[in-house]
């Protein structure tokens, strides 16, 4: 077994910039599939005769399945060798993508998405570990900028590409396009990648079966509560209380097993590292805001503004341009400027942009969407890559696979929770505002009576007076519901903004990055 010095000094035989080509291709298609279905969701729901809430499982089942696999990445890497397991993950993801496109009902689609999540779960943590280990410290910032470009740009490009494919072809092609790229990535990984000594296949490796079981129960029950809780009226439903109780117990048992078991699924000792703990919390918040905003902004534009699937996805393009610009800045200056300041600026831009989205109305132009999207993209680029570098900076190379696995598990949970909770937020906030506004629609409000009378007079030319009066009241109620929904979107964006600004003080806990 090589000593720590050997582990630290390992370098790949192939130029790392060539070696990471298939790695980044795999990362891109995996992360892309987290959001590419967002704008196509109504089309898929229509094809399967499913409700909107049922169709949300298409998004969240993918994220939660990946979250289940991520902590076991270290185990499977030791059993198969990290390179082999990486290739297996890519091929499983590719086959599952084909099955998603072939799905004829919601049950088979959810099954295929779960399989796709299982395959994709190993891609991100292994890719991140490879990127960190393969480059010397002085080039690590630039390498992680490239990695961050894939992680940040892919979910932003997803709605654009998904909208274009849905409008011009059919929704199954948003999954079929993964197949050729997945095959190419697997083939190039076989040719170009190599395992460091500490990531090669090992004998007599045991898995923490109890921990894996507890983790699976915890995440499945948690996601069930988050996805179904709103329709079931949350804890007023007995089965929600029982499911949530099971989730809490499974969560406690999982972490207890990881602390007491010598051969645990994940090594929680990395949380003793202050940089890792604080940096992971910040990344969870960024990930939750990223996926939640990508879920509701296209909905706002399609349902409230009348945009097509493609146009609603295309509004994300300025966010991509902002991300690219900021990542060029961080890649160039990461070794000259304290990375903590990049993260502060990034979180401030994300929070500020979210608050700007929290002042939208139904008379906005495209520029009112494009400009805050651009600055939100800049914030994502300025914060995501530097915080990844800072969170892993004080760890040893042999800790990377475990640390990135834990980090990506928590980020996946953050993404799934953010996507699920934002749907609940929209429903609840809309109900609150509708309750507040409906008090104005009574016969003692002269403005309301005047509007009903004027609308009734206009409609009376085409129908009976009593029918016209009913239509006028119905029309005004429709406007009330629309304004209530608008305020729900506004409140949700404001929550995102406050949340991003609230985690900025955590950066004071992070040590300044070491210079090579």
Protein backbone atom coordinates (compact mmCIF):
# COMPACT_ATOMS: atom_id res chain seq x y z
CA UNK A 1 0.00 0.00 0.00
CA UNK A 2 1.62 3.28 -1.01
CA UNK A 3 2.22 5.90 1.65
CA UNK A 4 0.66 9.36 1.77
CA UNK A 5 3.59 10.96 0.00
CA UNK A 6 3.19 8.66 -2.96
CA UNK A 7 -0.55 9.40 -3.03
CA UNK A 8 0.05 13.12 -3.03
CA UNK A 9 2.69 12.97 -5.78
CA UNK A 10 0.75 10.78 -8.24
CA UNK A 11 0.32 12.30 -11.69
CA UNK A 12 -1.38 10.78 -14.75
CA UNK A 13 0.71 9.57 -17.68
CA UNK A 14 -1.58 11.26 -20.22
CA UNK A 15 -1.93 15.03 -20.46
CA UNK A 16 -4.75 15.79 -17.99
CA UNK A 17 -6.37 18.28 -20.41
CA UNK A 18 -6.83 15.43 -22.90
CA UNK A 19 -7.84 12.96 -20.21
CA UNK A 20 -10.73 15.10 -18.95
CA UNK A 21 -12.46 15.40 -22.35
CA UNK A 22 -14.62 12.27 -21.89
CA UNK A 23 -15.01 13.09 -18.19
CA UNK A 24 -16.52 16.48 -18.98
CA UNK A 25 -18.70 14.98 -21.72
CA UNK A 26 -20.16 12.54 -19.18
CA UNK A 27 -20.65 15.33 -16.63
CA UNK A 28 -22.41 17.50 -19.19
CA UNK A 29 -25.00 14.93 -20.31
CA UNK A 30 -25.66 13.85 -16.71
CA UNK A 31 -26.24 17.37 -15.36
CA UNK A 32 -28.13 18.36 -18.52
CA UNK A 33 -30.76 15.69 -17.82
CA UNK A 34 -31.53 17.26 -14.45
CA UNK A 35 -33.31 20.18 -16.17
CA UNK A 36 -33.78 19.33 -19.85
CA UNK A 37 -37.23 17.90 -19.07
CA UNK A 38 -38.47 21.01 -17.21
CA UNK A 39 -40.05 22.74 -20.21
CA UNK A 40 -41.21 19.43 -21.72
CA UNK A 41 -42.95 18.33 -18.53
CA UNK A 42 -46.46 19.45 -19.66
CA UNK A 43 -45.98 17.55 -22.94
CA UNK A 44 -44.86 14.39 -21.14
CA UNK A 45 -47.75 14.67 -18.67
CA UNK A 46 -50.16 14.96 -21.62
CA UNK A 47 -48.64 11.91 -23.34
CA UNK A 48 -49.03 9.82 -20.20
CA UNK A 49 -52.45 11.26 -19.17
CA UNK A 50 -50.79 12.21 -15.86
CA UNK A 51 -51.47 15.13 -13.56
CA UNK A 52 -48.91 17.87 -13.06
CA UNK A 53 -48.06 16.58 -9.57
CA UNK A 54 -47.55 13.05 -10.89
CA UNK A 55 -45.31 14.35 -13.65
CA UNK A 56 -43.06 16.07 -11.05
CA UNK A 57 -41.82 12.60 -10.14
CA UNK A 58 -40.10 12.53 -13.54
CA UNK A 59 -37.77 15.26 -12.25
CA UNK A 60 -37.38 14.35 -8.60
CA UNK A 61 -37.06 10.55 -8.99
CA UNK A 62 -33.95 11.15 -11.11
CA UNK A 63 -32.32 13.35 -8.47
CA UNK A 64 -33.19 11.13 -5.52
CA UNK A 65 -32.02 7.93 -7.26
CA UNK A 66 -28.68 9.57 -7.97
CA UNK A 67 -28.53 10.65 -4.33
CA UNK A 68 -28.94 7.05 -3.15
CA UNK A 69 -26.02 5.82 -5.26
CA UNK A 70 -23.59 8.67 -4.54
CA UNK A 71 -22.52 7.53 -1.01
CA UNK A 72 -21.79 4.03 -2.36
CA UNK A 73 -19.45 5.39 -5.06
CA UNK A 74 -16.37 4.82 -2.90
CA UNK A 75 -17.39 1.18 -2.28
CA UNK A 76 -18.11 0.42 -5.95
CA UNK A 77 -14.89 2.17 -6.97
CA UNK A 78 -12.95 -0.22 -4.72
CA UNK A 79 -14.85 -3.29 -5.96
CA UNK A 80 -14.56 -2.58 -9.71
CA UNK A 81 -11.77 -0.01 -9.80
CA UNK A 82 -12.76 3.64 -10.15
CA UNK A 83 -12.22 3.81 -13.91
CA UNK A 84 -14.31 0.67 -14.52
CA UNK A 85 -17.12 1.85 -12.27
CA UNK A 86 -17.12 5.23 -14.02
CA UNK A 87 -17.57 3.50 -17.39
CA UNK A 88 -20.30 1.23 -15.97
CA UNK A 89 -22.13 4.33 -14.67
CA UNK A 90 -21.97 6.04 -18.06
CA UNK A 91 -23.28 2.97 -19.88
CA UNK A 92 -26.14 2.46 -17.40
CA UNK A 93 -27.06 6.13 -17.78
CA UNK A 94 -27.00 5.81 -21.58
CA UNK A 95 -29.17 2.67 -21.67
CA UNK A 96 -31.65 4.23 -19.24
CA UNK A 97 -31.83 7.35 -21.44
CA UNK A 98 -32.96 5.17 -24.34
CA UNK A 99 -35.60 3.55 -22.11
CA UNK A 100 -36.88 7.01 -21.07
CA UNK A 101 -37.46 7.92 -24.70
CA UNK A 102 -39.30 4.63 -25.26
CA UNK A 103 -41.63 5.08 -22.25
CA UNK A 104 -45.36 4.79 -22.99
CA UNK A 105 -46.73 5.43 -19.49
CA UNK A 106 -45.79 7.37 -16.37
CA UNK A 107 -44.86 4.24 -14.39
CA UNK A 108 -42.30 3.05 -16.92
CA UNK A 109 -40.93 6.60 -17.29
CA UNK A 110 -40.37 6.91 -13.54
CA UNK A 111 -38.70 3.46 -13.51
CA UNK A 112 -36.40 4.50 -16.37
CA UNK A 113 -35.59 7.83 -14.68
CA UNK A 114 -34.70 5.99 -11.46
CA UNK A 115 -32.41 3.68 -13.45
CA UNK A 116 -30.94 6.74 -15.14
CA UNK A 117 -30.32 8.32 -11.74
CA UNK A 118 -28.64 5.14 -10.49
CA UNK A 119 -26.32 5.23 -13.48
CA UNK A 120 -25.64 8.93 -13.24
CA UNK A 121 -25.08 8.94 -9.48
CA UNK A 122 -21.45 7.91 -9.84
CA UNK A 123 -20.59 10.31 -12.63
CA UNK A 124 -20.37 13.62 -10.78
CA UNK A 125 -18.36 12.65 -7.65
CA UNK A 126 -15.89 10.54 -9.62
CA UNK A 127 -15.49 13.29 -12.22
CA UNK A 128 -14.85 15.88 -9.51
CA UNK A 129 -12.27 13.63 -7.83
CA UNK A 130 -10.53 13.01 -11.16
CA UNK A 131 -10.40 16.73 -11.92
CA UNK A 132 -8.92 17.58 -8.51
CA UNK A 133 -6.35 14.78 -8.48
CA UNK A 134 -5.11 14.98 -12.07
CA UNK A 135 -3.87 18.58 -11.98
CA UNK A 136 -1.12 20.17 -9.86
CA UNK A 137 -2.30 22.72 -7.31
CA UNK A 138 -1.29 25.71 -9.39
CA UNK A 139 -3.61 24.56 -12.22
CA UNK A 140 -6.42 23.22 -10.04
CA UNK A 141 -8.35 26.50 -10.08
CA UNK A 142 -8.45 26.57 -13.89
CA UNK A 143 -9.35 22.86 -14.04
CA UNK A 144 -12.23 23.33 -11.60
CA UNK A 145 -13.40 26.28 -13.66
CA UNK A 146 -13.78 23.89 -16.59
CA UNK A 147 -15.59 21.42 -14.34
CA UNK A 148 -17.79 24.19 -13.01
CA UNK A 149 -18.62 25.26 -16.56
CA UNK A 150 -20.15 21.84 -17.16
CA UNK A 151 -21.96 21.72 -13.83
CA UNK A 152 -23.40 25.24 -14.15
CA UNK A 153 -23.97 25.59 -17.89
CA UNK A 154 -25.60 22.20 -18.45
CA UNK A 155 -28.69 22.84 -16.27
CA UNK A 156 -29.01 26.30 -17.84
CA UNK A 157 -28.75 25.00 -21.40
CA UNK A 158 -31.13 22.13 -20.54
CA UNK A 159 -34.39 24.12 -20.75
CA UNK A 160 -33.25 25.83 -23.99
CA UNK A 161 -32.34 22.58 -25.69
CA UNK A 162 -35.35 20.78 -24.23
CA UNK A 163 -37.71 23.50 -25.43
CA UNK A 164 -36.28 23.52 -28.95
CA UNK A 165 -36.41 19.73 -29.25
CA UNK A 166 -39.95 19.58 -27.82
CA UNK A 167 -41.28 22.27 -30.17
CA UNK A 168 -39.49 21.02 -33.31
CA UNK A 169 -39.30 17.25 -32.78
CA UNK A 170 -40.95 15.35 -29.92
CA UNK A 171 -40.06 15.07 -26.23
CA UNK A 172 -38.51 11.52 -26.42
CA UNK A 173 -35.59 13.03 -28.33
CA UNK A 174 -34.48 14.96 -25.25
CA UNK A 175 -33.42 11.53 -23.97
CA UNK A 176 -32.33 9.90 -27.23
CA UNK A 177 -29.66 12.56 -27.79
CA UNK A 178 -27.78 11.17 -24.77
CA UNK A 179 -27.17 7.83 -26.45
CA UNK A 180 -24.41 8.69 -28.97
CA UNK A 181 -22.66 11.06 -26.54
CA UNK A 182 -22.79 8.47 -23.75
CA UNK A 183 -21.27 5.80 -25.98
CA UNK A 184 -18.47 8.14 -27.09
CA UNK A 185 -17.75 9.16 -23.48
CA UNK A 186 -17.54 5.52 -22.33
CA UNK A 187 -15.22 4.58 -25.20
CA UNK A 188 -12.87 7.54 -24.64
CA UNK A 189 -12.81 6.90 -20.88
CA UNK A 190 -11.68 3.34 -21.58
CA UNK A 191 -8.86 4.66 -23.79
CA UNK A 192 -7.69 7.71 -21.83
CA UNK A 193 -8.41 7.33 -18.11
CA UNK A 194 -6.16 5.65 -15.55
CA UNK A 195 -6.62 4.96 -11.86
CA UNK A 196 -4.22 6.33 -9.25
CA UNK A 197 -2.78 3.64 -6.91
CA UNK A 198 -5.31 4.37 -4.15
CA UNK A 199 -8.33 4.18 -6.52
CA UNK A 200 -7.62 0.79 -8.08
CA UNK A 201 -9.59 -2.39 -7.58
CA UNK A 202 -9.26 -3.84 -4.09
CA UNK A 203 -9.99 -7.29 -2.66
CA UNK A 204 -12.23 -8.25 0.27
CA UNK A 205 -14.16 -4.99 0.18
CA UNK A 206 -17.35 -5.02 2.23
CA UNK A 207 -20.32 -2.72 1.88
CA UNK A 208 -22.21 -1.21 4.78
CA UNK A 209 -25.49 -2.94 3.90
CA UNK A 210 -27.37 -1.53 6.87
CA UNK A 211 -26.23 2.00 6.12
CA UNK A 212 -27.21 1.65 2.46
CA UNK A 213 -30.65 0.33 3.47
CA UNK A 214 -31.24 3.18 5.94
CA UNK A 215 -30.11 5.73 3.36
CA UNK A 216 -32.47 4.34 0.71
CA UNK A 217 -35.47 4.36 3.08
CA UNK A 218 -34.61 7.86 4.29
CA UNK A 219 -34.37 9.45 0.84
CA UNK A 220 -37.37 7.65 -0.69
CA UNK A 221 -39.70 8.51 2.20
CA UNK A 222 -38.39 12.08 2.37
CA UNK A 223 -39.03 12.64 -1.33
CA UNK A 224 -42.49 11.06 -1.05
CA UNK A 225 -43.39 13.50 1.72
CA UNK A 226 -42.04 16.48 -0.23
CA UNK A 227 -43.76 15.55 -3.49
CA UNK A 228 -47.11 14.37 -2.09
CA UNK A 229 -47.36 16.38 1.11
CA UNK A 230 -48.95 19.45 -0.42
CA UNK A 231 -51.80 17.53 -2.07
CA UNK A 232 -52.38 15.52 1.12
CA UNK A 233 -52.51 18.70 3.26
CA UNK A 234 -49.20 17.79 4.89
CA UNK A 235 -49.37 16.61 8.50
CA UNK A 236 -53.15 16.66 8.55
CA UNK A 237 -52.89 13.38 6.64
CA UNK A 238 -52.11 10.32 8.77
CA UNK A 239 -50.04 8.61 6.10
CA UNK A 240 -47.85 11.72 5.67
CA UNK A 241 -47.15 11.75 9.43
CA UNK A 242 -46.19 8.06 9.36
CA UNK A 243 -44.04 8.46 6.24
CA UNK A 244 -42.26 11.48 7.69
CA UNK A 245 -41.71 9.62 10.98
CA UNK A 246 -40.15 6.69 9.10
CA UNK A 247 -37.94 9.16 7.19
CA UNK A 248 -36.70 10.80 10.41
CA UNK A 249 -35.98 7.45 12.07
CA UNK A 250 -34.16 6.16 8.96
CA UNK A 251 -32.11 9.37 8.80
CA UNK A 252 -31.05 9.01 12.46
CA UNK A 253 -30.23 5.31 12.01
CA UNK A 254 -28.21 6.06 8.88
CA UNK A 255 -25.98 8.66 10.53
CA UNK A 256 -25.67 6.54 13.69
CA UNK A 257 -24.52 3.58 11.59
CA UNK A 258 -21.97 5.74 9.79
CA UNK A 259 -20.51 6.91 13.11
CA UNK A 260 -20.40 3.48 14.81
CA UNK A 261 -19.55 1.19 11.89
CA UNK A 262 -15.84 0.87 11.11
CA UNK A 263 -16.62 -0.03 7.47
CA UNK A 264 -19.22 2.68 6.96
CA UNK A 265 -20.71 3.68 3.64
CA UNK A 266 -19.29 7.19 4.00
CA UNK A 267 -16.60 8.58 6.27
CA UNK A 268 -18.14 11.44 8.24
CA UNK A 269 -14.75 12.49 9.61
CA UNK A 270 -14.38 14.89 6.69
CA UNK A 271 -16.93 17.12 8.44
CA UNK A 272 -14.24 17.89 11.02
CA UNK A 273 -12.66 19.96 8.25
CA UNK A 274 -14.10 23.46 8.63
CA UNK A 275 -13.65 24.35 4.97
CA UNK A 276 -15.47 21.22 3.82
CA UNK A 277 -18.44 21.67 6.18
CA UNK A 278 -19.05 25.38 5.55
CA UNK A 279 -18.37 25.04 1.81
CA UNK A 280 -20.80 22.12 1.49
CA UNK A 281 -23.61 24.08 3.20
CA UNK A 282 -23.08 27.00 0.81
CA UNK A 283 -23.12 24.64 -2.19
CA UNK A 284 -26.37 23.00 -1.03
CA UNK A 285 -28.06 26.42 -0.92
CA UNK A 286 -26.69 27.41 -4.35
CA UNK A 287 -27.80 24.07 -5.84
CA UNK A 288 -31.30 24.32 -4.34
CA UNK A 289 -31.74 27.88 -5.65
CA UNK A 290 -30.36 26.94 -9.08
CA UNK A 291 -32.72 23.99 -9.63
CA UNK A 292 -35.73 25.65 -8.01
CA UNK A 293 -35.37 28.78 -10.14
CA UNK A 294 -34.89 26.69 -13.28
CA UNK A 295 -38.10 24.83 -12.40
CA UNK A 296 -40.37 27.85 -11.85
CA UNK A 297 -39.07 30.52 -14.24
CA UNK A 298 -40.12 28.58 -17.39
CA UNK A 299 -43.47 27.89 -15.68
CA UNK A 300 -43.94 31.59 -15.02
CA UNK A 301 -43.17 32.50 -18.61
CA UNK A 302 -45.38 29.78 -20.12
CA UNK A 303 -48.38 30.02 -17.80
CA UNK A 304 -48.38 33.75 -17.05
CA UNK A 305 -46.76 35.33 -20.11
CA UNK A 306 -47.81 32.90 -22.86
CA UNK A 307 -44.28 31.93 -23.97
CA UNK A 308 -43.71 28.74 -25.96
CA UNK A 309 -41.57 25.92 -24.54
CA UNK A 310 -38.59 27.04 -26.63
CA UNK A 311 -38.91 30.75 -25.84
CA UNK A 312 -39.25 30.05 -22.12
CA UNK A 313 -36.12 27.91 -22.28
CA UNK A 314 -34.29 30.50 -24.40
CA UNK A 315 -34.67 33.06 -21.62
CA UNK A 316 -32.03 31.01 -19.77
CA UNK A 317 -29.36 31.79 -22.36
CA UNK A 318 -28.25 35.09 -20.76
CA UNK A 319 -27.66 33.12 -17.57
CA UNK A 320 -25.31 30.87 -19.52
CA UNK A 321 -23.42 33.84 -20.97
CA UNK A 322 -23.06 35.32 -17.49
CA UNK A 323 -21.74 32.00 -16.16
CA UNK A 324 -19.17 31.71 -18.95
CA UNK A 325 -17.91 35.25 -18.39
CA UNK A 326 -17.59 34.80 -14.63
CA UNK A 327 -15.84 31.44 -14.97
CA UNK A 328 -13.28 32.98 -17.30
CA UNK A 329 -12.70 35.60 -14.62
CA UNK A 330 -12.34 33.06 -11.81
CA UNK A 331 -10.15 30.76 -13.92
CA UNK A 332 -7.78 33.64 -14.73
CA UNK A 333 -7.68 35.30 -11.30
CA UNK A 334 -8.23 32.38 -8.89
CA UNK A 335 -4.51 32.24 -7.99
CA UNK A 336 -4.26 36.01 -7.54
CA UNK A 337 -7.39 36.89 -5.53
CA UNK A 338 -8.72 35.29 -2.36
CA UNK A 339 -11.44 32.94 -3.63
CA UNK A 340 -13.67 33.79 -0.68
CA UNK A 341 -14.27 37.22 -2.23
CA UNK A 342 -15.43 35.56 -5.46
CA UNK A 343 -17.97 33.57 -3.47
CA UNK A 344 -19.18 36.67 -1.59
CA UNK A 345 -19.69 38.54 -4.86
CA UNK A 346 -21.36 35.51 -6.45
CA UNK A 347 -23.84 34.97 -3.63
CA UNK A 348 -24.61 38.71 -3.57
CA UNK A 349 -25.34 38.63 -7.32
CA UNK A 350 -27.56 35.54 -7.03
CA UNK A 351 -29.42 37.04 -4.09
CA UNK A 352 -29.78 40.44 -5.74
CA UNK A 353 -30.95 38.93 -9.04
CA UNK A 354 -33.53 36.79 -7.22
CA UNK A 355 -34.86 39.89 -5.46
CA UNK A 356 -35.10 41.64 -8.86
CA UNK A 357 -37.16 38.66 -10.12
CA UNK A 358 -39.24 39.26 -7.01
CA UNK A 359 -40.43 42.57 -8.49
CA UNK A 360 -41.80 41.19 -11.78
CA UNK A 361 -45.22 42.01 -13.21
CA UNK A 362 -47.22 40.99 -16.26
CA UNK A 363 -46.17 44.04 -18.31
CA UNK A 364 -42.46 43.18 -18.45
CA UNK A 365 -40.34 42.94 -21.59
CA UNK A 366 -37.76 40.30 -22.46
CA UNK A 367 -35.00 42.53 -21.09
CA UNK A 368 -36.59 42.40 -17.63
CA UNK A 369 -35.92 38.66 -17.71
CA UNK A 370 -32.61 38.68 -19.59
CA UNK A 371 -30.70 41.20 -17.44
CA UNK A 372 -31.28 39.61 -14.00
CA UNK A 373 -30.71 36.19 -15.59
CA UNK A 374 -27.32 37.35 -16.86
CA UNK A 375 -26.28 38.58 -13.41
CA UNK A 376 -27.63 35.44 -11.75
CA UNK A 377 -25.48 33.42 -14.15
CA UNK A 378 -22.47 35.54 -13.22
CA UNK A 379 -23.23 34.87 -9.57
CA UNK A 380 -23.39 31.12 -10.19
CA UNK A 381 -20.04 31.15 -11.96
CA UNK A 382 -18.33 33.38 -9.39
CA UNK A 383 -19.52 31.31 -6.44
CA UNK A 384 -19.79 27.69 -7.54
CA UNK A 385 -16.24 26.96 -8.73
CA UNK A 386 -14.35 28.86 -5.98
CA UNK A 387 -16.48 27.31 -3.21
CA UNK A 388 -15.76 23.82 -4.62
CA UNK A 389 -12.03 24.61 -4.55
CA UNK A 390 -12.19 26.05 -1.03
CA UNK A 391 -14.23 23.15 0.37
CA UNK A 392 -11.72 20.54 -0.86
CA UNK A 393 -8.52 22.55 -0.48
CA UNK A 394 -7.54 21.26 2.96
CA UNK A 395 -8.31 17.58 2.24
CA UNK A 396 -5.84 14.92 1.12
CA UNK A 397 -6.07 13.29 -2.31
CA UNK A 398 -7.12 9.92 -0.85
CA UNK A 399 -10.09 11.63 0.83
CA UNK A 400 -11.40 13.10 -2.41
CA UNK A 401 -13.62 10.24 -3.62
CA UNK A 402 -15.37 9.97 -0.24
CA UNK A 403 -15.59 13.75 0.24
CA UNK A 404 -16.96 14.48 -3.22
CA UNK A 405 -19.44 11.62 -2.78
CA UNK A 406 -20.79 13.10 0.45
CA UNK A 407 -20.84 16.58 -1.04
CA UNK A 408 -22.72 15.51 -4.15
CA UNK A 409 -25.18 13.45 -2.07
CA UNK A 410 -26.10 16.53 -0.05
CA UNK A 411 -26.21 18.73 -3.16
CA UNK A 412 -28.55 16.24 -4.85
CA UNK A 413 -30.80 16.27 -1.80
CA UNK A 414 -30.71 20.07 -1.92
CA UNK A 415 -31.69 20.03 -5.60
CA UNK A 416 -34.55 17.58 -5.03
CA UNK A 417 -35.81 19.39 -1.94
CA UNK A 418 -35.60 22.75 -3.71
CA UNK A 419 -37.52 21.45 -6.73
CA UNK A 420 -40.23 19.86 -4.56
CA UNK A 421 -40.62 22.68 -2.05
CA UNK A 422 -40.89 25.39 -4.68
CA UNK A 423 -44.00 23.67 -6.06
CA UNK A 424 -45.51 23.76 -2.57
CA UNK A 425 -44.44 27.38 -2.11
CA UNK A 426 -46.23 28.40 -5.31
CA UNK A 427 -49.44 26.67 -4.25
CA UNK A 428 -49.44 27.96 -0.68
CA UNK A 429 -48.39 31.51 -1.50
CA UNK A 430 -51.08 31.67 -4.20
CA UNK A 431 -53.71 30.54 -1.68
CA UNK A 432 -52.57 33.17 0.84
CA UNK A 433 -52.70 36.00 -1.70
CA UNK A 434 -56.01 34.84 -3.10
CA UNK A 435 -57.46 34.90 0.43
CA UNK A 436 -56.09 38.42 0.91
CA UNK A 437 -57.37 39.72 -2.44
CA UNK A 438 -60.81 38.10 -2.42
CA UNK A 439 -61.89 40.48 0.35
CA UNK A 440 -61.90 43.28 -2.24
CA UNK A 441 -64.49 41.51 -4.41
CA UNK A 442 -67.62 42.38 -2.45
CA UNK A 443 -70.60 44.62 -3.07
CA UNK A 444 -69.29 47.26 -0.63
CA UNK A 445 -66.24 47.97 -2.79
CA UNK A 446 -67.19 50.73 -5.28
CA UNK A 447 -64.16 50.03 -7.51
CA UNK A 448 -65.18 46.36 -7.85
CA UNK A 449 -68.84 47.24 -8.54
CA UNK A 450 -67.79 49.80 -11.17
CA UNK A 451 -65.57 47.23 -12.91
CA UNK A 452 -68.31 44.59 -12.90
CA UNK A 453 -70.83 47.04 -14.31
CA UNK A 454 -68.55 48.31 -17.08
CA UNK A 455 -67.57 44.77 -18.10
CA UNK A 456 -71.20 43.64 -17.98
CA UNK A 457 -72.24 46.57 -20.20
CA UNK A 458 -69.59 45.66 -22.76
CA UNK A 459 -70.62 41.99 -22.82
CA UNK A 460 -74.38 42.73 -22.91
CA UNK A 461 -74.06 43.61 -26.56
CA UNK A 462 -73.34 39.93 -27.29
CA UNK A 463 -75.49 38.03 -24.77
CA UNK A 464 -78.27 38.33 -22.20
CA UNK A 465 -77.67 40.80 -19.35
CA UNK A 466 -77.71 38.13 -16.60
CA UNK A 467 -75.25 35.98 -18.54
CA UNK A 468 -73.06 39.01 -19.19
CA UNK A 469 -73.00 39.83 -15.49
CA UNK A 470 -71.95 36.28 -14.64
CA UNK A 471 -69.23 36.38 -17.31
CA UNK A 472 -67.98 39.72 -15.97
CA UNK A 473 -67.68 38.36 -12.43
CA UNK A 474 -65.98 35.21 -13.71
CA UNK A 475 -63.52 37.30 -15.74
CA UNK A 476 -62.61 39.42 -12.71
CA UNK A 477 -62.16 36.30 -10.59
CA UNK A 478 -59.82 34.94 -13.25
CA UNK A 479 -57.76 38.13 -12.99
CA UNK A 480 -57.69 37.75 -9.20
CA UNK A 481 -56.37 34.18 -9.50
CA UNK A 482 -53.75 35.35 -12.02
CA UNK A 483 -52.57 38.14 -9.71
CA UNK A 484 -52.47 35.71 -6.77
CA UNK A 485 -50.31 33.32 -8.80
CA UNK A 486 -48.06 36.19 -9.86
CA UNK A 487 -47.51 37.13 -6.22
CA UNK A 488 -46.70 33.48 -5.43
CA UNK A 489 -43.89 33.58 -8.00
CA UNK A 490 -42.70 36.92 -6.61
CA UNK A 491 -42.60 35.61 -3.02
CA UNK A 492 -40.74 32.46 -4.10
CA UNK A 493 -38.01 34.45 -5.84
CA UNK A 494 -37.69 36.69 -2.79
CA UNK A 495 -37.17 33.63 -0.59
CA UNK A 496 -34.35 32.51 -2.92
CA UNK A 497 -32.70 35.92 -2.67
CA UNK A 498 -32.87 36.10 1.13
CA UNK A 499 -31.57 32.53 1.44
CA UNK A 500 -28.47 33.28 -0.69
CA UNK A 501 -27.67 36.44 1.22
CA UNK A 502 -28.16 34.65 4.56
CA UNK A 503 -25.35 32.11 3.95
CA UNK A 504 -22.69 34.74 3.15
CA UNK A 505 -21.55 34.96 6.83
CA UNK A 506 -20.61 31.24 6.67
CA UNK A 507 -17.64 32.21 4.49
CA UNK A 508 -15.97 33.68 7.57
CA UNK A 509 -15.47 30.08 8.78
CA UNK A 510 -13.52 29.10 5.66
CA UNK A 511 -9.76 29.37 5.72
CA UNK A 512 -7.96 31.24 2.97
CA UNK A 513 -6.98 28.94 0.11
CA UNK A 514 -3.41 27.67 0.13
CA UNK A 515 -1.19 28.84 -2.68
CA UNK A 516 0.89 26.33 -4.60
